[in-house]
Amino acid sequence: MCRVLHENCNKSVAKDKGLPNNSFLVTYLIDDATVYDIVICNKRVDVFDIYWDKYRENLKNIEWTEGRVNPKLWDYNPSGKKK
């Protein structure tokens, strides 16, 4: 299962060390404009499969972000409520 965290974002978002360590920066082209997405996924091949089906030859690169947080401890939408 893959989840898009940031769609059509700035490339500098990938330098955030607060991202989970299983996140990827995906680079692709839309109408000759370079677009970046931050995606969480356990395997790079799963990210490739999703983006290849969608963008084909316009898919340019899939690379790790600088995220350092364990995915089990990372929560994108913290509720702020204590149990």
C-alpha atoms as a PDB file:
ATOM      1  CA  MET A   1       0.000   0.000   0.000  1.00  0.00           C
ATOM      2  CA  CYS A   2       1.302   3.438  -0.961  1.00  0.00           C
ATOM      3  CA  ARG A   3       0.166   6.845   0.204  1.00  0.00           C
ATOM      4  CA  VAL A   4       0.874  10.236  -1.366  1.00  0.00           C
ATOM      5  CA  LEU A   5       1.860  12.731   1.332  1.00  0.00           C
ATOM      6  CA  HIS A   6       2.596  15.769  -0.814  1.00  0.00           C
ATOM      7  CA  GLU A   7       1.455  16.100  -4.396  1.00  0.00           C
ATOM      8  CA  ASN A   8       2.995  18.645  -6.776  1.00  0.00           C
ATOM      9  CA  CYS A   9       5.278  19.967  -4.037  1.00  0.00           C
ATOM     10  CA  ASN A  10       8.646  21.670  -3.938  1.00  0.00           C
ATOM     11  CA  LYS A  11      11.689  19.378  -4.131  1.00  0.00           C
ATOM     12  CA  SER A  12      13.004  20.820  -0.854  1.00  0.00           C
ATOM     13  CA  VAL A  13      10.177  19.070   1.065  1.00  0.00           C
ATOM     14  CA  ALA A  14      12.157  15.820   0.610  1.00  0.00           C
ATOM     15  CA  LYS A  15      14.936  17.220   2.828  1.00  0.00           C
ATOM     16  CA  ASP A  16      12.677  17.146   5.891  1.00  0.00           C
ATOM     17  CA  LYS A  17      14.226  14.673   8.350  1.00  0.00           C
ATOM     18  CA  GLY A  18      10.820  14.404  10.062  1.00  0.00           C
ATOM     19  CA  LEU A  19       9.459  12.295   7.200  1.00  0.00           C
ATOM     20  CA  PRO A  20       9.288   8.524   7.642  1.00  0.00           C
ATOM     21  CA  ASN A  21      12.284   6.561   6.409  1.00  0.00           C
ATOM     22  CA  ASN A  22      10.144   4.668   3.865  1.00  0.00           C
ATOM     23  CA  SER A  23       9.234   7.810   1.891  1.00  0.00           C
ATOM     24  CA  PHE A  24      10.255   8.547  -1.683  1.00  0.00           C
ATOM     25  CA  LEU A  25      10.574  11.627  -3.869  1.00  0.00           C
ATOM     26  CA  VAL A  26       8.994  10.880  -7.252  1.00  0.00           C
ATOM     27  CA  THR A  27       9.909  13.105 -10.212  1.00  0.00           C
ATOM     28  CA  TYR A  28       7.831  13.158 -13.381  1.00  0.00           C
ATOM     29  CA  LEU A  29       6.797  15.505 -16.194  1.00  0.00           C
ATOM     30  CA  ILE A  30       3.403  16.991 -16.960  1.00  0.00           C
ATOM     31  CA  ASP A  31       3.248  19.183 -20.068  1.00  0.00           C
ATOM     32  CA  ASP A  32       7.067  19.603 -19.998  1.00  0.00           C
ATOM     33  CA  ALA A  33       6.947  20.867 -16.389  1.00  0.00           C
ATOM     34  CA  THR A  34       8.782  18.919 -13.690  1.00  0.00           C
ATOM     35  CA  VAL A  35       6.533  17.792 -10.832  1.00  0.00           C
ATOM     36  CA  TYR A  36       7.515  16.271  -7.463  1.00  0.00           C
ATOM     37  CA  ASP A  37       5.502  14.023  -5.148  1.00  0.00           C
ATOM     38  CA  ILE A  38       6.384  12.636  -1.719  1.00  0.00           C
ATOM     39  CA  VAL A  39       5.089   9.075  -1.358  1.00  0.00           C
ATOM     40  CA  ILE A  40       5.173   6.597   1.533  1.00  0.00           C
ATOM     41  CA  CYS A  41       5.557   3.006   0.444  1.00  0.00           C
ATOM     42  CA  ASN A  42       7.396  -0.061   1.710  1.00  0.00           C
ATOM     43  CA  LYS A  43       8.995  -0.947  -1.649  1.00  0.00           C
ATOM     44  CA  ARG A  44      10.322   1.240  -4.430  1.00  0.00           C
ATOM     45  CA  VAL A  45       8.953  -1.213  -7.000  1.00  0.00           C
ATOM     46  CA  ASP A  46       5.405  -0.536  -5.740  1.00  0.00           C
ATOM     47  CA  VAL A  47       5.928   3.203  -6.261  1.00  0.00           C
ATOM     48  CA  PHE A  48       7.286   2.499  -9.731  1.00  0.00           C
ATOM     49  CA  ASP A  49       4.284   0.340 -10.645  1.00  0.00           C
ATOM     50  CA  ILE A  50       1.796   3.041  -9.645  1.00  0.00           C
ATOM     51  CA  TYR A  51       3.578   5.929 -11.349  1.00  0.00           C
ATOM     52  CA  TRP A  52       4.541   3.944 -14.453  1.00  0.00           C
ATOM     53  CA  ASP A  53       0.911   3.021 -15.040  1.00  0.00           C
ATOM     54  CA  LYS A  54      -0.044   6.677 -14.715  1.00  0.00           C
ATOM     55  CA  TYR A  55       2.812   8.579 -16.441  1.00  0.00           C
ATOM     56  CA  ARG A  56       4.835   6.031 -18.490  1.00  0.00           C
ATOM     57  CA  GLU A  57       7.834   7.688 -20.172  1.00  0.00           C
ATOM     58  CA  ASN A  58       7.232  10.930 -18.257  1.00  0.00           C
ATOM     59  CA  LEU A  59       8.358   9.226 -15.030  1.00  0.00           C
ATOM     60  CA  LYS A  60      11.913  10.470 -14.477  1.00  0.00           C
ATOM     61  CA  ASN A  61      13.144   9.416 -11.036  1.00  0.00           C
ATOM     62  CA  ILE A  62      12.259   7.744  -7.739  1.00  0.00           C
ATOM     63  CA  GLU A  63      14.641   8.415  -4.867  1.00  0.00           C
ATOM     64  CA  TRP A  64      14.668   8.244  -1.082  1.00  0.00           C
ATOM     65  CA  THR A  65      13.824  11.347   0.917  1.00  0.00           C
ATOM     66  CA  GLU A  66      15.964  12.333   3.896  1.00  0.00           C
ATOM     67  CA  GLY A  67      13.302  11.100   6.321  1.00  0.00           C
ATOM     68  CA  ARG A  68      14.674   9.452   9.455  1.00  0.00           C
ATOM     69  CA  VAL A  69      11.575   8.608  11.500  1.00  0.00           C
ATOM     70  CA  ASN A  70      10.471   5.012  12.008  1.00  0.00           C
ATOM     71  CA  PRO A  71       7.202   4.578  10.032  1.00  0.00           C
ATOM     72  CA  LYS A  72       5.535   2.924  13.037  1.00  0.00           C
ATOM     73  CA  LEU A  73       6.209   6.027  15.153  1.00  0.00           C
ATOM     74  CA  TRP A  74       5.385   8.578  12.466  1.00  0.00           C
ATOM     75  CA  ASP A  75       1.867   9.979  12.139  1.00  0.00           C
ATOM     76  CA  TYR A  76       1.045  12.446   9.367  1.00  0.00           C
ATOM     77  CA  ASN A  77      -2.232  13.620  10.970  1.00  0.00           C
ATOM     78  CA  PRO A  78      -1.785  13.549  14.740  1.00  0.00           C
ATOM     79  CA  SER A  79      -5.124  13.798  16.522  1.00  0.00           C
ATOM     80  CA  GLY A  80      -3.779  15.582  19.596  1.00  0.00           C
ATOM     81  CA  LYS A  81      -6.001  13.460  21.838  1.00  0.00           C
ATOM     82  CA  LYS A  82      -4.551  11.260  24.543  1.00  0.00           C
ATOM     83  CA  LYS A  83      -6.033   7.890  25.317  1.00  0.00           C
END
